[in-house]
Amino acid sequence: MKNVNPYSGVLVALAVITCWFISLFFLLRWNFEWSNPLVYLMVFVQMHLYTGLFITAHDAMHGTISSNRTINNFFGYLSVFLYAGFFYNRLYSKHHKHHSHVHTDADPDFAPHGFWKWYLRFMMNYVTIIQLVIMAIAYNVLNIWVNEQNLLFFWVLPSLLSTFQLFYFGTYLPHKGEHDNEYHASTLNKNHFVAFITCYFFGYHLEHHQKPGMPWWQLYKTK
């Protein structure tokens, strides 16, 4: 799919990464009180921005950020590394296996064993020892300058919650059960606000499998 503006994908990717960075920068410096309800709201805002990082990398996996492969892959590598120290090439390979072998034993995103077993398999397929080492080093380095409660509440917790958001709305709900289409996927009822808040329109999952070249910020047009 070609964008009207060839730089639209890059601008959207930059916007997501910039919002994530600015929000995290101020949250890590925030001298907050636990009684402030805004604290808990910001955990979910940051969670949503973390999900945006992963969705940006997902767009890169389908080549929709830029027609320039170097620029496209740069945003892919950057987004997943900022997300949780992931390596883009590993995720790229596994994600395309999902599209090629959806709902089969060869699908790394599928496990017909209920929510928790499926989630565990989903995570074990992507998390590596080197990634955990990278995150442990990053945590300890950041902890030199950042209060530990800020680090845990605004850096660690939102990223963990984001894995549930991505899994539940972007994998589990669309692919659980039986389906009468070749992609073994269902889709949310048409509600663009809900679709964006839950998982950047990837609740429109059947549409994504039908048109994987559609970037997340235009996916709603397929509904």
Protein backbone atom coordinates (compact mmCIF):
# COMPACT_ATOMS: atom_id res chain seq x y z
CA MET A 1 0.00 0.00 0.00
CA LYS A 2 1.39 3.45 -0.89
CA ASN A 3 0.82 6.44 1.35
CA VAL A 4 -0.24 9.75 -0.16
CA ASN A 5 2.68 11.30 1.72
CA PRO A 6 5.74 9.00 1.50
CA TYR A 7 6.98 10.35 4.85
CA SER A 8 3.74 9.73 6.75
CA GLY A 9 4.92 6.44 8.21
CA VAL A 10 8.17 7.99 9.44
CA LEU A 11 6.32 10.94 10.98
CA VAL A 12 3.88 8.65 12.80
CA ALA A 13 6.73 6.46 14.07
CA LEU A 14 8.63 9.53 15.28
CA ALA A 15 5.50 10.83 17.02
CA VAL A 16 4.97 7.56 18.92
CA ILE A 17 8.61 7.27 19.99
CA THR A 18 8.77 10.94 20.97
CA CYS A 19 5.59 10.76 23.06
CA TRP A 20 6.90 7.65 24.81
CA PHE A 21 10.26 9.28 25.55
CA ILE A 22 8.88 12.61 26.78
CA SER A 23 6.31 10.93 29.00
CA LEU A 24 8.89 8.55 30.47
CA PHE A 25 11.43 11.34 30.99
CA PHE A 26 9.05 13.40 33.12
CA LEU A 27 7.55 10.40 34.93
CA LEU A 28 10.98 9.17 36.03
CA ARG A 29 11.71 12.62 37.47
CA TRP A 30 8.29 13.04 39.12
CA ASN A 31 8.32 13.45 42.89
CA PHE A 32 4.82 11.99 43.22
CA GLU A 33 2.54 11.10 46.12
CA TRP A 34 0.80 7.72 46.18
CA SER A 35 -2.47 9.46 47.09
CA ASN A 36 -2.51 11.30 43.75
CA PRO A 37 -4.92 9.44 41.39
CA LEU A 38 -3.05 10.86 38.39
CA VAL A 39 -0.18 8.53 39.25
CA TYR A 40 -2.25 5.46 38.44
CA LEU A 41 -3.70 7.00 35.30
CA MET A 42 -0.19 7.71 34.04
CA VAL A 43 0.77 4.06 34.48
CA PHE A 44 -1.88 3.18 31.90
CA VAL A 45 -0.93 6.09 29.64
CA GLN A 46 2.65 4.87 29.68
CA MET A 47 1.47 1.30 29.11
CA HIS A 48 -0.37 2.46 25.99
CA LEU A 49 2.73 4.28 24.74
CA TYR A 50 4.81 1.14 25.29
CA THR A 51 2.28 -0.75 23.20
CA GLY A 52 2.72 1.95 20.57
CA LEU A 53 6.44 1.21 20.45
CA PHE A 54 5.76 -2.44 19.70
CA ILE A 55 3.08 -1.61 17.13
CA THR A 56 5.60 0.72 15.43
CA ALA A 57 8.06 -2.17 15.20
CA HIS A 58 5.25 -4.35 13.86
CA ASP A 59 4.61 -1.82 11.10
CA ALA A 60 8.31 -1.98 10.25
CA MET A 61 8.05 -5.77 9.97
CA HIS A 62 5.50 -5.24 7.20
CA GLY A 63 7.55 -2.49 5.56
CA THR A 64 4.94 0.21 6.07
CA ILE A 65 7.03 2.87 7.84
CA SER A 66 9.18 3.74 4.86
CA SER A 67 9.82 2.43 1.36
CA ASN A 68 13.50 2.93 2.18
CA ARG A 69 14.44 -0.40 3.76
CA THR A 70 17.26 1.05 5.87
CA ILE A 71 15.00 3.72 7.39
CA ASN A 72 12.13 1.27 7.83
CA ASN A 73 14.31 -1.28 9.63
CA PHE A 74 16.00 1.41 11.74
CA PHE A 75 12.64 2.26 13.30
CA GLY A 76 11.94 -1.42 13.78
CA TYR A 77 15.22 -2.06 15.59
CA LEU A 78 14.91 1.11 17.66
CA SER A 79 11.30 0.56 18.73
CA VAL A 80 11.66 -3.02 19.98
CA PHE A 81 14.96 -2.27 21.70
CA LEU A 82 13.40 0.67 23.56
CA TYR A 83 10.38 -1.49 24.34
CA ALA A 84 12.30 -4.16 26.25
CA GLY A 85 15.72 -4.86 24.77
CA PHE A 86 14.32 -7.09 22.02
CA PHE A 87 16.14 -7.83 18.78
CA TYR A 88 14.16 -6.86 15.70
CA ASN A 89 15.48 -9.59 13.40
CA ARG A 90 14.35 -12.32 15.81
CA LEU A 91 10.87 -10.82 16.15
CA TYR A 92 10.67 -10.26 12.39
CA SER A 93 11.25 -13.93 11.66
CA LYS A 94 8.74 -15.14 14.24
CA HIS A 95 6.05 -12.66 13.25
CA HIS A 96 6.17 -13.70 9.62
CA LYS A 97 5.90 -17.33 10.71
CA HIS A 98 2.67 -16.28 12.43
CA HIS A 99 1.32 -14.90 9.17
CA SER A 100 2.49 -17.88 7.13
CA HIS A 101 1.38 -20.63 9.54
CA VAL A 102 -1.46 -19.01 11.44
CA HIS A 103 -3.31 -21.22 13.93
CA THR A 104 -0.96 -24.21 13.47
CA ASP A 105 1.81 -25.80 15.52
CA ALA A 106 4.31 -23.76 13.50
CA ASP A 107 2.63 -20.51 14.58
CA PRO A 108 4.72 -18.98 17.43
CA ASP A 109 1.74 -16.86 18.50
CA PHE A 110 -0.69 -19.73 18.92
CA ALA A 111 -1.29 -22.20 21.75
CA PRO A 112 -4.73 -23.83 22.17
CA HIS A 113 -4.39 -24.29 25.93
CA GLY A 114 -6.30 -21.43 27.53
CA PHE A 115 -5.28 -17.87 28.33
CA TRP A 116 -2.40 -18.33 30.78
CA LYS A 117 -0.66 -21.23 29.02
CA TRP A 118 -1.07 -19.42 25.73
CA TYR A 119 0.36 -16.21 27.22
CA LEU A 120 3.31 -18.09 28.72
CA ARG A 121 4.11 -19.75 25.38
CA PHE A 122 3.74 -16.39 23.66
CA MET A 123 6.27 -14.80 26.03
CA MET A 124 8.70 -17.74 26.00
CA ASN A 125 8.81 -17.59 22.20
CA TYR A 126 10.06 -14.01 22.27
CA VAL A 127 11.98 -13.44 25.52
CA THR A 128 15.66 -14.44 25.50
CA ILE A 129 18.41 -14.59 28.13
CA ILE A 130 20.41 -11.84 26.43
CA GLN A 131 17.34 -9.61 26.44
CA LEU A 132 16.88 -10.14 30.19
CA VAL A 133 20.56 -9.32 30.74
CA ILE A 134 20.20 -6.11 28.72
CA MET A 135 17.16 -5.05 30.74
CA ALA A 136 18.87 -5.88 34.05
CA ILE A 137 21.88 -3.75 33.06
CA ALA A 138 19.60 -0.90 31.92
CA TYR A 139 17.67 -1.06 35.19
CA ASN A 140 20.79 -0.84 37.33
CA VAL A 141 22.28 1.97 35.26
CA LEU A 142 19.05 4.00 35.39
CA ASN A 143 18.80 3.36 39.11
CA ILE A 144 21.97 5.42 39.61
CA TRP A 145 20.03 8.56 38.71
CA VAL A 146 16.37 7.57 39.03
CA ASN A 147 14.39 6.91 42.21
CA GLU A 148 13.63 3.18 42.35
CA GLN A 149 9.89 3.63 42.93
CA ASN A 150 9.66 5.76 39.77
CA LEU A 151 11.67 3.17 37.86
CA LEU A 152 9.48 0.29 38.98
CA PHE A 153 6.17 2.11 38.59
CA PHE A 154 6.72 3.99 35.32
CA TRP A 155 9.38 1.94 33.50
CA VAL A 156 8.97 -1.68 34.58
CA LEU A 157 5.25 -1.96 35.33
CA PRO A 158 3.90 -0.27 32.16
CA SER A 159 6.07 -2.45 29.92
CA LEU A 160 4.85 -5.62 31.66
CA LEU A 161 1.22 -4.49 31.45
CA SER A 162 1.77 -3.73 27.79
CA THR A 163 2.60 -7.39 27.10
CA PHE A 164 -0.87 -8.29 28.38
CA GLN A 165 -2.45 -5.55 26.26
CA LEU A 166 -0.67 -6.74 23.14
CA PHE A 167 -1.37 -10.39 23.81
CA TYR A 168 -5.01 -10.10 24.88
CA PHE A 169 -6.27 -7.66 22.25
CA GLY A 170 -3.79 -8.39 19.47
CA THR A 171 -3.45 -12.18 19.66
CA TYR A 172 -5.69 -14.00 22.12
CA LEU A 173 -9.09 -12.44 21.39
CA PRO A 174 -8.69 -12.43 17.58
CA HIS A 175 -7.35 -16.00 17.29
CA LYS A 176 -9.02 -17.97 20.06
CA GLY A 177 -11.66 -20.53 19.11
CA GLU A 178 -12.68 -21.61 15.63
CA HIS A 179 -13.16 -19.33 12.63
CA ASP A 180 -14.66 -19.65 9.19
CA ASN A 181 -11.90 -17.82 7.31
CA GLU A 182 -8.44 -18.76 6.07
CA TYR A 183 -6.74 -16.46 8.58
CA HIS A 184 -8.39 -18.07 11.62
CA ALA A 185 -9.08 -14.58 12.95
CA SER A 186 -12.02 -12.58 14.23
CA THR A 187 -12.45 -8.83 14.45
CA LEU A 188 -13.83 -6.24 16.85
CA ASN A 189 -17.16 -4.63 16.19
CA LYS A 190 -16.70 -1.31 14.45
CA ASN A 191 -15.75 1.26 17.10
CA HIS A 192 -12.62 3.18 16.17
CA PHE A 193 -12.13 4.75 19.61
CA VAL A 194 -12.25 1.38 21.38
CA ALA A 195 -10.09 -0.18 18.67
CA PHE A 196 -7.41 2.50 19.12
CA ILE A 197 -7.42 2.50 22.93
CA THR A 198 -7.27 -1.28 23.22
CA CYS A 199 -4.50 -2.02 20.70
CA TYR A 200 -3.93 0.63 18.02
CA PHE A 201 -6.67 -0.83 15.78
CA PHE A 202 -5.25 -4.37 15.86
CA GLY A 203 -8.52 -5.61 17.27
CA TYR A 204 -9.47 -5.30 13.59
CA HIS A 205 -7.37 -8.39 13.25
CA LEU A 206 -9.02 -10.17 10.35
CA GLU A 207 -8.56 -6.97 8.36
CA HIS A 208 -4.86 -6.89 9.30
CA HIS A 209 -4.32 -10.43 8.01
CA GLN A 210 -6.21 -9.58 4.85
CA LYS A 211 -4.16 -6.41 4.30
CA PRO A 212 -0.86 -6.75 6.22
CA GLY A 213 0.57 -3.83 4.23
CA MET A 214 -1.85 -1.40 5.87
CA PRO A 215 -0.11 0.65 8.63
CA TRP A 216 -1.80 0.73 12.03
CA TRP A 217 -2.91 4.34 11.70
CA GLN A 218 -4.84 3.54 8.51
CA LEU A 219 -6.13 0.11 9.48
CA TYR A 220 -9.45 1.55 10.63
CA LYS A 221 -10.23 2.37 6.99
CA THR A 222 -10.56 -1.33 6.21
CA LYS A 223 -13.43 -1.72 8.68
